[in-house]
PDB file of N, CA and C in Angstrom:
ATOM      1  N   LEU A   1     -23.528 -11.406  39.255  1.00  0.00           N
ATOM      2  CA  LEU A   1     -24.420 -10.297  39.040  1.00  0.00           C
ATOM      3  C   LEU A   1     -24.010  -9.569  37.772  1.00  0.00           C
ATOM      4  N   LEU A   2     -24.956  -9.393  36.893  1.00  0.00           N
ATOM      5  CA  LEU A   2     -24.661  -8.738  35.632  1.00  0.00           C
ATOM      6  C   LEU A   2     -24.782  -7.224  35.707  1.00  0.00           C
ATOM      7  N   GLY A   3     -25.432  -6.732  36.724  1.00  0.00           N
ATOM      8  CA  GLY A   3     -25.628  -5.300  36.845  1.00  0.00           C
ATOM      9  C   GLY A   3     -24.328  -4.517  36.884  1.00  0.00           C
ATOM     10  N   PHE A   4     -23.264  -5.125  37.447  1.00  0.00           N
ATOM     11  CA  PHE A   4     -21.981  -4.442  37.531  1.00  0.00           C
ATOM     12  C   PHE A   4     -21.275  -4.388  36.180  1.00  0.00           C
ATOM     13  N   TYR A   5     -21.558  -5.308  35.308  1.00  0.00           N
ATOM     14  CA  TYR A   5     -20.868  -5.385  34.024  1.00  0.00           C
ATOM     15  C   TYR A   5     -21.561  -4.584  32.932  1.00  0.00           C
ATOM     16  N   ALA A   6     -22.813  -4.293  33.098  1.00  0.00           N
ATOM     17  CA  ALA A   6     -23.550  -3.524  32.089  1.00  0.00           C
ATOM     18  C   ALA A   6     -24.446  -2.508  32.794  1.00  0.00           C
ATOM     19  N   PRO A   7     -23.858  -1.403  33.242  1.00  0.00           N
ATOM     20  CA  PRO A   7     -24.672  -0.394  33.928  1.00  0.00           C
ATOM     21  C   PRO A   7     -25.677   0.257  32.978  1.00  0.00           C
ATOM     22  N   ASP A   8     -26.783   0.674  33.540  1.00  0.00           N
ATOM     23  CA  ASP A   8     -27.853   1.275  32.735  1.00  0.00           C
ATOM     24  C   ASP A   8     -27.382   2.513  31.984  1.00  0.00           C
ATOM     25  N   ASP A   9     -26.500   3.305  32.579  1.00  0.00           N
ATOM     26  CA  ASP A   9     -26.006   4.505  31.906  1.00  0.00           C
ATOM     27  C   ASP A   9     -25.224   4.146  30.643  1.00  0.00           C
ATOM     28  N   PHE A  10     -24.437   3.086  30.721  1.00  0.00           N
ATOM     29  CA  PHE A  10     -23.672   2.642  29.556  1.00  0.00           C
ATOM     30  C   PHE A  10     -24.607   2.176  28.442  1.00  0.00           C
ATOM     31  N   ILE A  11     -25.629   1.409  28.799  1.00  0.00           N
ATOM     32  CA  ILE A  11     -26.585   0.899  27.813  1.00  0.00           C
ATOM     33  C   ILE A  11     -27.336   2.060  27.163  1.00  0.00           C
ATOM     34  N   ALA A  12     -27.735   3.031  27.963  1.00  0.00           N
ATOM     35  CA  ALA A  12     -28.447   4.197  27.420  1.00  0.00           C
ATOM     36  C   ALA A  12     -27.548   4.992  26.473  1.00  0.00           C
ATOM     37  N   GLY A  13     -26.249   5.026  26.753  1.00  0.00           N
ATOM     38  CA  GLY A  13     -25.333   5.741  25.871  1.00  0.00           C
ATOM     39  C   GLY A  13     -25.098   5.020  24.557  1.00  0.00           C
ATOM     40  N   VAL A  14     -25.081   3.694  24.604  1.00  0.00           N
ATOM     41  CA  VAL A  14     -24.861   2.889  23.397  1.00  0.00           C
ATOM     42  C   VAL A  14     -26.116   2.858  22.527  1.00  0.00           C
ATOM     43  N   CYS A  15     -27.272   2.825  23.162  1.00  0.00           N
ATOM     44  CA  CYS A  15     -28.554   2.733  22.443  1.00  0.00           C
ATOM     45  C   CYS A  15     -29.409   3.959  22.765  1.00  0.00           C
ATOM     46  N   PRO A  16     -29.049   5.132  22.247  1.00  0.00           N
ATOM     47  CA  PRO A  16     -29.833   6.329  22.562  1.00  0.00           C
ATOM     48  C   PRO A  16     -31.232   6.254  21.945  1.00  0.00           C
ATOM     49  N   ARG A  17     -32.207   6.744  22.676  1.00  0.00           N
ATOM     50  CA  ARG A  17     -33.587   6.781  22.195  1.00  0.00           C
ATOM     51  C   ARG A  17     -33.868   8.194  21.730  1.00  0.00           C
ATOM     52  N   ALA A  18     -33.834   8.421  20.452  1.00  0.00           N
ATOM     53  CA  ALA A  18     -34.024   9.757  19.889  1.00  0.00           C
ATOM     54  C   ALA A  18     -35.501  10.152  19.932  1.00  0.00           C
ATOM     55  N   PHE A  19     -35.737  11.443  19.995  1.00  0.00           N
ATOM     56  CA  PHE A  19     -37.092  11.970  19.961  1.00  0.00           C
ATOM     57  C   PHE A  19     -37.659  11.768  18.567  1.00  0.00           C
ATOM     58  N   THR A  20     -38.820  11.147  18.479  1.00  0.00           N
ATOM     59  CA  THR A  20     -39.410  10.854  17.179  1.00  0.00           C
ATOM     60  C   THR A  20     -40.638  11.707  16.887  1.00  0.00           C
ATOM     61  N   GLY A  21     -41.114  12.439  17.872  1.00  0.00           N
ATOM     62  CA  GLY A  21     -42.312  13.238  17.672  1.00  0.00           C
ATOM     63  C   GLY A  21     -43.585  12.444  17.910  1.00  0.00           C
ATOM     64  N   GLY A  22     -43.448  11.169  18.178  1.00  0.00           N
ATOM     65  CA  GLY A  22     -44.607  10.304  18.420  1.00  0.00           C
ATOM     66  C   GLY A  22     -44.796  10.045  19.904  1.00  0.00           C
ATOM     67  N   ARG A  23     -45.316   8.870  20.200  1.00  0.00           N
ATOM     68  CA  ARG A  23     -45.559   8.496  21.588  1.00  0.00           C
ATOM     69  C   ARG A  23     -44.261   8.346  22.365  1.00  0.00           C
ATOM     70  N   ARG A  24     -44.372   8.516  23.674  1.00  0.00           N
ATOM     71  CA  ARG A  24     -43.230   8.293  24.558  1.00  0.00           C
ATOM     72  C   ARG A  24     -42.871   6.821  24.558  1.00  0.00           C
ATOM     73  N   HIS A  25     -41.604   6.513  24.755  1.00  0.00           N
ATOM     74  CA  HIS A  25     -41.190   5.125  24.865  1.00  0.00           C
ATOM     75  C   HIS A  25     -41.631   4.582  26.215  1.00  0.00           C
ATOM     76  N   ALA A  26     -42.249   3.403  26.207  1.00  0.00           N
ATOM     77  CA  ALA A  26     -42.751   2.818  27.444  1.00  0.00           C
ATOM     78  C   ALA A  26     -41.630   2.240  28.295  1.00  0.00           C
ATOM     79  N   LEU A  27     -40.569   1.748  27.661  1.00  0.00           N
ATOM     80  CA  LEU A  27     -39.460   1.126  28.377  1.00  0.00           C
ATOM     81  C   LEU A  27     -38.142   1.755  27.945  1.00  0.00           C
ATOM     82  N   SER A  28     -37.189   1.736  28.851  1.00  0.00           N
ATOM     83  CA  SER A  28     -35.873   2.287  28.524  1.00  0.00           C
ATOM     84  C   SER A  28     -35.061   1.269  27.730  1.00  0.00           C
ATOM     85  N   ALA A  29     -33.979   1.729  27.149  1.00  0.00           N
ATOM     86  CA  ALA A  29     -33.106   0.842  26.391  1.00  0.00           C
ATOM     87  C   ALA A  29     -32.506  -0.221  27.307  1.00  0.00           C
ATOM     88  N   ALA A  30     -32.195   0.143  28.543  1.00  0.00           N
ATOM     89  CA  ALA A  30     -31.620  -0.820  29.481  1.00  0.00           C
ATOM     90  C   ALA A  30     -32.625  -1.927  29.811  1.00  0.00           C
ATOM     91  N   GLN A  31     -33.891  -1.577  29.988  1.00  0.00           N
ATOM     92  CA  GLN A  31     -34.903  -2.593  30.274  1.00  0.00           C
ATOM     93  C   GLN A  31     -35.054  -3.547  29.094  1.00  0.00           C
ATOM     94  N   LEU A  32     -35.068  -3.022  27.886  1.00  0.00           N
ATOM     95  CA  LEU A  32     -35.197  -3.882  26.713  1.00  0.00           C
ATOM     96  C   LEU A  32     -33.945  -4.739  26.511  1.00  0.00           C
ATOM     97  N   TRP A  33     -32.778  -4.191  26.791  1.00  0.00           N
ATOM     98  CA  TRP A  33     -31.529  -4.953  26.662  1.00  0.00           C
ATOM     99  C   TRP A  33     -31.517  -6.106  27.648  1.00  0.00           C
ATOM    100  N   ARG A  34     -31.919  -5.829  28.898  1.00  0.00           N
ATOM    101  CA  ARG A  34     -31.962  -6.883  29.905  1.00  0.00           C
ATOM    102  C   ARG A  34     -32.995  -7.952  29.555  1.00  0.00           C
ATOM    103  N   THR A  35     -34.077  -7.578  28.927  1.00  0.00           N
ATOM    104  CA  THR A  35     -35.071  -8.559  28.502  1.00  0.00           C
ATOM    105  C   THR A  35     -34.501  -9.457  27.409  1.00  0.00           C
ATOM    106  N   HIS A  36     -33.744  -8.878  26.483  1.00  0.00           N
ATOM    107  CA  HIS A  36     -33.073  -9.697  25.466  1.00  0.00           C
ATOM    108  C   HIS A  36     -32.057 -10.634  26.111  1.00  0.00           C
ATOM    109  N   LEU A  37     -31.378 -10.144  27.126  1.00  0.00           N
ATOM    110  CA  LEU A  37     -30.397 -10.966  27.821  1.00  0.00           C
ATOM    111  C   LEU A  37     -31.061 -12.160  28.506  1.00  0.00           C
ATOM    112  N   LEU A  38     -32.274 -11.989  28.986  1.00  0.00           N
ATOM    113  CA  LEU A  38     -33.012 -13.097  29.593  1.00  0.00           C
ATOM    114  C   LEU A  38     -33.230 -14.239  28.608  1.00  0.00           C
ATOM    115  N   ALA A  39     -33.441 -13.909  27.354  1.00  0.00           N
ATOM    116  CA  ALA A  39     -33.636 -14.953  26.347  1.00  0.00           C
ATOM    117  C   ALA A  39     -32.393 -15.814  26.193  1.00  0.00           C
ATOM    118  N   VAL A  40     -31.236 -15.249  26.450  1.00  0.00           N
ATOM    119  CA  VAL A  40     -29.978 -15.999  26.343  1.00  0.00           C
ATOM    120  C   VAL A  40     -29.674 -16.747  27.635  1.00  0.00           C
ATOM    121  N   LEU A  41     -29.956 -16.138  28.774  1.00  0.00           N
ATOM    122  CA  LEU A  41     -29.585 -16.714  30.063  1.00  0.00           C
ATOM    123  C   LEU A  41     -30.541 -17.782  30.580  1.00  0.00           C
ATOM    124  N   THR A  42     -31.772 -17.761  30.125  1.00  0.00           N
ATOM    125  CA  THR A  42     -32.763 -18.728  30.615  1.00  0.00           C
ATOM    126  C   THR A  42     -32.972 -19.824  29.590  1.00  0.00           C
ATOM    127  N   SER A  43     -33.789 -20.784  29.957  1.00  0.00           N
ATOM    128  CA  SER A  43     -34.096 -21.878  29.031  1.00  0.00           C
ATOM    129  C   SER A  43     -35.056 -21.434  27.937  1.00  0.00           C
ATOM    130  N   THR A  44     -35.608 -20.231  28.080  1.00  0.00           N
ATOM    131  CA  THR A  44     -36.507 -19.676  27.077  1.00  0.00           C
ATOM    132  C   THR A  44     -35.674 -18.982  26.010  1.00  0.00           C
ATOM    133  N   HIS A  45     -35.559 -19.575  24.843  1.00  0.00           N
ATOM    134  CA  HIS A  45     -34.719 -18.993  23.793  1.00  0.00           C
ATOM    135  C   HIS A  45     -35.522 -18.248  22.732  1.00  0.00           C
ATOM    136  N   SER A  46     -36.816 -18.124  22.917  1.00  0.00           N
ATOM    137  CA  SER A  46     -37.675 -17.409  21.988  1.00  0.00           C
ATOM    138  C   SER A  46     -38.187 -16.152  22.679  1.00  0.00           C
ATOM    139  N   LEU A  47     -38.101 -15.017  21.993  1.00  0.00           N
ATOM    140  CA  LEU A  47     -38.591 -13.782  22.589  1.00  0.00           C
ATOM    141  C   LEU A  47     -40.104 -13.812  22.790  1.00  0.00           C
ATOM    142  N   ASN A  48     -40.825 -14.460  21.884  1.00  0.00           N
ATOM    143  CA  ASN A  48     -42.277 -14.557  22.044  1.00  0.00           C
ATOM    144  C   ASN A  48     -42.631 -15.370  23.281  1.00  0.00           C
ATOM    145  N   LEU A  49     -41.927 -16.460  23.531  1.00  0.00           N
ATOM    146  CA  LEU A  49     -42.175 -17.281  24.719  1.00  0.00           C
ATOM    147  C   LEU A  49     -41.751 -16.531  25.976  1.00  0.00           C
ATOM    148  N   LEU A  50     -40.680 -15.771  25.894  1.00  0.00           N
ATOM    149  CA  LEU A  50     -40.233 -14.971  27.027  1.00  0.00           C
ATOM    150  C   LEU A  50     -41.299 -13.950  27.410  1.00  0.00           C
ATOM    151  N   VAL A  51     -41.869 -13.281  26.431  1.00  0.00           N
ATOM    152  CA  VAL A  51     -42.927 -12.296  26.683  1.00  0.00           C
ATOM    153  C   VAL A  51     -44.133 -12.972  27.329  1.00  0.00           C
ATOM    154  N   ALA A  52     -44.444 -14.186  26.907  1.00  0.00           N
ATOM    155  CA  ALA A  52     -45.577 -14.908  27.478  1.00  0.00           C
ATOM    156  C   ALA A  52     -45.312 -15.327  28.925  1.00  0.00           C
ATOM    157  N   GLN A  53     -44.055 -15.606  29.276  1.00  0.00           N
ATOM    158  CA  GLN A  53     -43.725 -16.075  30.617  1.00  0.00           C
ATOM    159  C   GLN A  53     -43.406 -14.951  31.600  1.00  0.00           C
ATOM    160  N   LEU A  54     -43.133 -13.759  31.139  1.00  0.00           N
ATOM    161  CA  LEU A  54     -42.770 -12.659  32.035  1.00  0.00           C
ATOM    162  C   LEU A  54     -43.813 -12.359  33.113  1.00  0.00           C
ATOM    163  N   PRO A  55     -45.117 -12.386  32.824  1.00  0.00           N
ATOM    164  CA  PRO A  55     -46.074 -12.072  33.893  1.00  0.00           C
ATOM    165  C   PRO A  55     -45.995 -13.011  35.093  1.00  0.00           C
ATOM    166  N   GLU A  56     -45.587 -14.243  34.899  1.00  0.00           N
ATOM    167  CA  GLU A  56     -45.534 -15.190  36.018  1.00  0.00           C
ATOM    168  C   GLU A  56     -44.139 -15.376  36.601  1.00  0.00           C
ATOM    169  N   GLN A  57     -43.125 -14.747  36.036  1.00  0.00           N
ATOM    170  CA  GLN A  57     -41.746 -14.883  36.511  1.00  0.00           C
ATOM    171  C   GLN A  57     -41.283 -13.585  37.175  1.00  0.00           C
ATOM    172  N   GLY A  58     -41.504 -13.496  38.472  1.00  0.00           N
ATOM    173  CA  GLY A  58     -41.156 -12.290  39.216  1.00  0.00           C
ATOM    174  C   GLY A  58     -39.656 -11.994  39.231  1.00  0.00           C
ATOM    175  N   ALA A  59     -38.831 -13.025  39.345  1.00  0.00           N
ATOM    176  CA  ALA A  59     -37.380 -12.827  39.371  1.00  0.00           C
ATOM    177  C   ALA A  59     -36.883 -12.277  38.040  1.00  0.00           C
ATOM    178  N   TRP A  60     -37.467 -12.710  36.944  1.00  0.00           N
ATOM    179  CA  TRP A  60     -37.089 -12.201  35.617  1.00  0.00           C
ATOM    180  C   TRP A  60     -37.443 -10.723  35.501  1.00  0.00           C
ATOM    181  N   ARG A  61     -38.662 -10.377  35.955  1.00  0.00           N
ATOM    182  CA  ARG A  61     -39.082  -8.975  35.899  1.00  0.00           C
ATOM    183  C   ARG A  61     -38.182  -8.102  36.767  1.00  0.00           C
ATOM    184  N   HIS A  62     -37.776  -8.630  37.923  1.00  0.00           N
ATOM    185  CA  HIS A  62     -36.879  -7.888  38.813  1.00  0.00           C
ATOM    186  C   HIS A  62     -35.520  -7.682  38.145  1.00  0.00           C
ATOM    187  N   PHE A  63     -34.980  -8.713  37.494  1.00  0.00           N
ATOM    188  CA  PHE A  63     -33.698  -8.606  36.805  1.00  0.00           C
ATOM    189  C   PHE A  63     -33.758  -7.561  35.695  1.00  0.00           C
ATOM    190  N   ALA A  64     -34.836  -7.565  34.930  1.00  0.00           N
ATOM    191  CA  ALA A  64     -34.984  -6.620  33.813  1.00  0.00           C
ATOM    192  C   ALA A  64     -35.459  -5.245  34.274  1.00  0.00           C
ATOM    193  N   ARG A  65     -35.718  -5.115  35.580  1.00  0.00           N
ATOM    194  CA  ARG A  65     -36.186  -3.858  36.180  1.00  0.00           C
ATOM    195  C   ARG A  65     -37.488  -3.386  35.551  1.00  0.00           C
ATOM    196  N   LEU A  66     -38.396  -4.330  35.371  1.00  0.00           N
ATOM    197  CA  LEU A  66     -39.715  -4.029  34.818  1.00  0.00           C
ATOM    198  C   LEU A  66     -40.685  -3.817  35.971  1.00  0.00           C
ATOM    199  N   ARG A  67     -41.450  -2.768  35.918  1.00  0.00           N
ATOM    200  CA  ARG A  67     -42.392  -2.497  36.990  1.00  0.00           C
ATOM    201  C   ARG A  67     -43.815  -2.752  36.521  1.00  0.00           C
ATOM    202  N   ARG A  68     -44.435  -1.752  35.962  1.00  0.00           N
ATOM    203  CA  ARG A  68     -45.836  -1.893  35.554  1.00  0.00           C
ATOM    204  C   ARG A  68     -45.969  -2.351  34.111  1.00  0.00           C
ATOM    205  N   THR A  69     -45.144  -1.829  33.232  1.00  0.00           N
ATOM    206  CA  THR A  69     -45.249  -2.129  31.813  1.00  0.00           C
ATOM    207  C   THR A  69     -44.346  -3.301  31.459  1.00  0.00           C
ATOM    208  N   LEU A  70     -44.906  -4.287  30.783  1.00  0.00           N
ATOM    209  CA  LEU A  70     -44.117  -5.409  30.302  1.00  0.00           C
ATOM    210  C   LEU A  70     -43.878  -5.243  28.811  1.00  0.00           C
ATOM    211  N   PRO A  71     -42.743  -5.694  28.326  1.00  0.00           N
ATOM    212  CA  PRO A  71     -42.475  -5.559  26.895  1.00  0.00           C
ATOM    213  C   PRO A  71     -43.363  -6.487  26.080  1.00  0.00           C
ATOM    214  N   THR A  72     -43.619  -6.089  24.864  1.00  0.00           N
ATOM    215  CA  THR A  72     -44.345  -6.938  23.926  1.00  0.00           C
ATOM    216  C   THR A  72     -43.343  -7.434  22.888  1.00  0.00           C
ATOM    217  N   ALA A  73     -43.743  -8.411  22.121  1.00  0.00           N
ATOM    218  CA  ALA A  73     -42.864  -8.937  21.079  1.00  0.00           C
ATOM    219  C   ALA A  73     -42.518  -7.844  20.071  1.00  0.00           C
ATOM    220  N   ARG A  74     -43.446  -6.942  19.825  1.00  0.00           N
ATOM    221  CA  ARG A  74     -43.185  -5.845  18.882  1.00  0.00           C
ATOM    222  C   ARG A  74     -42.110  -4.901  19.412  1.00  0.00           C
ATOM    223  N   MET A  75     -42.166  -4.579  20.713  1.00  0.00           N
ATOM    224  CA  MET A  75     -41.148  -3.711  21.315  1.00  0.00           C
ATOM    225  C   MET A  75     -39.772  -4.337  21.183  1.00  0.00           C
ATOM    226  N   LEU A  76     -39.673  -5.621  21.449  1.00  0.00           N
ATOM    227  CA  LEU A  76     -38.386  -6.301  21.406  1.00  0.00           C
ATOM    228  C   LEU A  76     -37.853  -6.360  19.986  1.00  0.00           C
ATOM    229  N   HIS A  77     -38.732  -6.554  19.027  1.00  0.00           N
ATOM    230  CA  HIS A  77     -38.302  -6.608  17.632  1.00  0.00           C
ATOM    231  C   HIS A  77     -37.794  -5.241  17.173  1.00  0.00           C
ATOM    232  N   GLU A  78     -38.500  -4.182  17.550  1.00  0.00           N
ATOM    233  CA  GLU A  78     -38.089  -2.833  17.147  1.00  0.00           C
ATOM    234  C   GLU A  78     -36.780  -2.448  17.793  1.00  0.00           C
ATOM    235  N   PHE A  79     -36.550  -2.867  19.034  1.00  0.00           N
ATOM    236  CA  PHE A  79     -35.294  -2.570  19.717  1.00  0.00           C
ATOM    237  C   PHE A  79     -34.140  -3.283  19.027  1.00  0.00           C
ATOM    238  N   ARG A  80     -34.356  -4.518  18.628  1.00  0.00           N
ATOM    239  CA  ARG A  80     -33.310  -5.291  17.961  1.00  0.00           C
ATOM    240  C   ARG A  80     -32.948  -4.648  16.629  1.00  0.00           C
ATOM    241  N   GLN A  81     -33.920  -4.078  15.924  1.00  0.00           N
ATOM    242  CA  GLN A  81     -33.655  -3.417  14.654  1.00  0.00           C
ATOM    243  C   GLN A  81     -32.856  -2.143  14.856  1.00  0.00           C
ATOM    244  N   GLY A  82     -33.083  -1.448  15.978  1.00  0.00           N
ATOM    245  CA  GLY A  82     -32.389  -0.190  16.240  1.00  0.00           C
ATOM    246  C   GLY A  82     -30.946  -0.352  16.644  1.00  0.00           C
ATOM    247  N   VAL A  83     -30.604  -1.494  17.198  1.00  0.00           N
ATOM    248  CA  VAL A  83     -29.233  -1.737  17.660  1.00  0.00           C
ATOM    249  C   VAL A  83     -28.440  -2.239  16.535  1.00  0.00           C
TER     250      VAL A  83
END
């Protein structure tokens, strides 16, 4: 279980989401980090392919703690630039 090794509070502290004056962030830093981790842990090594497969992979969504909003390729790219 990876949840014990990378708690959400730690991820939020490492990747703070600053107020930008624009729209609210749809996903937390921990959700985006876990989605990036899925690209490494699964046979899907492309973030674009991962985004395409997330709607049909319930276990992946559960691992990344995604509920209603799914990440887009743009969200993942912007998160990678911020880290």
